[in-house]
Structure formats: structure tokens, C-alpha cells
Amino acid sequence: MSVNPDHGGNEPFDLRTLVLLTVAGAVVYASYRNSALGAAVGIGIAVLLALHNLVKRN
């Protein structure tokens, strides 16, 4: 599931995608087990995305 147009999208998952899916799964599980951690992770992701969008525009 590569979005790189040079490869046509017919390749299996690359390492980056596999790592991101693994980390996302671990965060979802940890958030499920501890709701306070889930709220903190949610706020952290929102701040990270906002900062990324600000930096990307410049």
C-alpha cells in the first residue's frame, strides 16, 4: 500500500508503514486500558498535527 507514484502502488507494506501501524495499535491498546493516558495521547497528537501543519505551510 505504497502511495509513492513511482512504484504504482502494487508493493506490499513498507517498513515505515508497518512501524506506524504497530505503534498506533500499541497506543490504542494503552488508551483503552488507561483513559487518562488516552486523553494525554489525544492532546499530544492534536498539538503535533497543529505544529506540523504550521511548519509545512512555511
N, C-alpha and C. Protein backbone atom coordinates (compact mmCIF):
# COMPACT_ATOMS: atom_id res chain seq x y z
N MET A 1 0.82 -1.19 0.00
CA MET A 1 0.00 0.00 0.00
C MET A 1 0.87 1.25 0.00
N SER A 2 1.75 1.32 -0.89
CA SER A 2 2.61 2.47 -1.02
C SER A 2 1.91 3.56 -1.80
N VAL A 3 2.06 4.80 -1.36
CA VAL A 3 1.46 5.91 -2.09
C VAL A 3 2.48 6.60 -2.98
N ASN A 4 3.65 6.01 -3.13
CA ASN A 4 4.69 6.55 -3.98
C ASN A 4 4.30 6.30 -5.44
N PRO A 5 4.09 7.36 -6.22
CA PRO A 5 3.64 7.16 -7.60
C PRO A 5 4.66 6.46 -8.48
N ASP A 6 5.92 6.40 -8.09
CA ASP A 6 6.95 5.75 -8.90
C ASP A 6 6.81 4.23 -8.91
N HIS A 7 6.14 3.69 -7.90
CA HIS A 7 6.05 2.24 -7.78
C HIS A 7 4.69 1.69 -8.17
N GLY A 8 3.75 2.51 -8.51
CA GLY A 8 2.46 2.04 -8.98
C GLY A 8 1.52 1.54 -7.90
N GLY A 9 1.94 1.50 -6.66
CA GLY A 9 1.05 1.09 -5.57
C GLY A 9 0.83 -0.41 -5.48
N ASN A 10 1.59 -1.22 -6.17
CA ASN A 10 1.40 -2.66 -6.14
C ASN A 10 2.38 -3.37 -5.23
N GLU A 11 3.07 -2.64 -4.39
CA GLU A 11 4.05 -3.25 -3.49
C GLU A 11 3.40 -3.54 -2.14
N PRO A 12 3.96 -4.48 -1.39
CA PRO A 12 3.46 -4.72 -0.03
C PRO A 12 3.82 -3.55 0.89
N PHE A 13 3.37 -3.64 2.12
CA PHE A 13 3.68 -2.60 3.10
C PHE A 13 5.18 -2.40 3.21
N ASP A 14 5.59 -1.14 3.31
CA ASP A 14 7.00 -0.89 3.56
C ASP A 14 7.23 -0.87 5.07
N LEU A 15 8.48 -0.76 5.48
CA LEU A 15 8.84 -0.83 6.89
C LEU A 15 8.23 0.32 7.68
N ARG A 16 8.22 1.51 7.10
CA ARG A 16 7.67 2.68 7.80
C ARG A 16 6.19 2.47 8.12
N THR A 17 5.43 1.96 7.16
CA THR A 17 4.00 1.72 7.37
C THR A 17 3.80 0.67 8.46
N LEU A 18 4.60 -0.37 8.44
CA LEU A 18 4.49 -1.43 9.45
C LEU A 18 4.78 -0.90 10.84
N VAL A 19 5.81 -0.07 10.98
CA VAL A 19 6.15 0.51 12.28
C VAL A 19 5.04 1.44 12.76
N LEU A 20 4.53 2.29 11.86
CA LEU A 20 3.46 3.22 12.26
C LEU A 20 2.20 2.47 12.68
N LEU A 21 1.83 1.42 11.98
CA LEU A 21 0.65 0.64 12.37
C LEU A 21 0.86 -0.07 13.71
N THR A 22 2.07 -0.55 13.96
CA THR A 22 2.37 -1.21 15.23
C THR A 22 2.29 -0.23 16.39
N VAL A 23 2.89 0.94 16.20
CA VAL A 23 2.85 1.97 17.26
C VAL A 23 1.41 2.44 17.48
N ALA A 24 0.67 2.64 16.41
CA ALA A 24 -0.73 3.08 16.55
C ALA A 24 -1.54 2.03 17.30
N GLY A 25 -1.33 0.77 17.01
CA GLY A 25 -2.04 -0.29 17.72
C GLY A 25 -1.69 -0.32 19.20
N ALA A 26 -0.42 -0.12 19.53
CA ALA A 26 0.00 -0.10 20.92
C ALA A 26 -0.61 1.09 21.66
N VAL A 27 -0.66 2.24 21.00
CA VAL A 27 -1.24 3.43 21.63
C VAL A 27 -2.74 3.24 21.86
N VAL A 28 -3.43 2.67 20.89
CA VAL A 28 -4.87 2.42 21.06
C VAL A 28 -5.11 1.45 22.21
N TYR A 29 -4.31 0.41 22.31
CA TYR A 29 -4.47 -0.55 23.40
C TYR A 29 -4.19 0.10 24.76
N ALA A 30 -3.12 0.90 24.84
CA ALA A 30 -2.78 1.58 26.10
C ALA A 30 -3.88 2.58 26.48
N SER A 31 -4.43 3.26 25.49
CA SER A 31 -5.50 4.21 25.76
C SER A 31 -6.77 3.49 26.23
N TYR A 32 -7.01 2.33 25.69
CA TYR A 32 -8.16 1.53 26.11
C TYR A 32 -8.01 1.09 27.56
N ARG A 33 -6.80 0.72 27.94
CA ARG A 33 -6.56 0.25 29.30
C ARG A 33 -6.53 1.37 30.32
N ASN A 34 -6.14 2.59 29.92
CA ASN A 34 -6.00 3.71 30.85
C ASN A 34 -6.54 4.97 30.17
N SER A 35 -7.72 5.41 30.60
CA SER A 35 -8.38 6.53 29.92
C SER A 35 -7.62 7.85 30.09
N ALA A 36 -6.93 8.04 31.21
CA ALA A 36 -6.15 9.26 31.39
C ALA A 36 -5.00 9.32 30.38
N LEU A 37 -4.39 8.18 30.14
CA LEU A 37 -3.34 8.12 29.13
C LEU A 37 -3.90 8.40 27.75
N GLY A 38 -5.10 7.91 27.48
CA GLY A 38 -5.74 8.15 26.19
C GLY A 38 -5.99 9.63 25.95
N ALA A 39 -6.42 10.34 26.98
CA ALA A 39 -6.65 11.78 26.85
C ALA A 39 -5.34 12.52 26.60
N ALA A 40 -4.29 12.14 27.31
CA ALA A 40 -2.99 12.78 27.12
C ALA A 40 -2.44 12.51 25.73
N VAL A 41 -2.59 11.30 25.26
CA VAL A 41 -2.11 10.97 23.91
C VAL A 41 -2.91 11.74 22.86
N GLY A 42 -4.21 11.85 23.06
CA GLY A 42 -5.05 12.60 22.12
C GLY A 42 -4.65 14.06 22.03
N ILE A 43 -4.40 14.68 23.16
CA ILE A 43 -3.96 16.08 23.17
C ILE A 43 -2.58 16.21 22.53
N GLY A 44 -1.70 15.28 22.83
CA GLY A 44 -0.36 15.30 22.23
C GLY A 44 -0.40 15.18 20.72
N ILE A 45 -1.25 14.31 20.21
CA ILE A 45 -1.37 14.15 18.76
C ILE A 45 -1.96 15.40 18.13
N ALA A 46 -2.95 16.01 18.78
CA ALA A 46 -3.54 17.24 18.25
C ALA A 46 -2.51 18.36 18.16
N VAL A 47 -1.70 18.50 19.20
CA VAL A 47 -0.64 19.53 19.19
C VAL A 47 0.40 19.21 18.11
N LEU A 48 0.79 17.96 18.01
CA LEU A 48 1.76 17.55 17.00
C LEU A 48 1.26 17.84 15.58
N LEU A 49 0.01 17.54 15.30
CA LEU A 49 -0.55 17.80 13.98
C LEU A 49 -0.65 19.30 13.70
N ALA A 50 -1.02 20.08 14.71
CA ALA A 50 -1.10 21.53 14.52
C ALA A 50 0.29 22.12 14.21
N LEU A 51 1.30 21.69 14.96
CA LEU A 51 2.65 22.17 14.71
C LEU A 51 3.16 21.71 13.33
N HIS A 52 2.84 20.50 12.96
CA HIS A 52 3.25 20.00 11.65
C HIS A 52 2.64 20.83 10.53
N ASN A 53 1.37 21.16 10.67
CA ASN A 53 0.70 21.98 9.65
C ASN A 53 1.28 23.39 9.59
N LEU A 54 1.64 23.95 10.74
CA LEU A 54 2.24 25.27 10.74
C LEU A 54 3.60 25.27 10.06
N VAL A 55 4.40 24.27 10.33
CA VAL A 55 5.74 24.19 9.76
C VAL A 55 5.65 23.88 8.26
N LYS A 56 4.71 23.05 7.87
CA LYS A 56 4.57 22.63 6.48
C LYS A 56 4.17 23.80 5.58
N ARG A 57 3.43 24.77 6.08
CA ARG A 57 2.97 25.91 5.28
C ARG A 57 4.08 26.87 4.95
N ASN A 58 5.13 26.93 5.76
CA ASN A 58 6.21 27.90 5.53
C ASN A 58 7.22 27.41 4.57
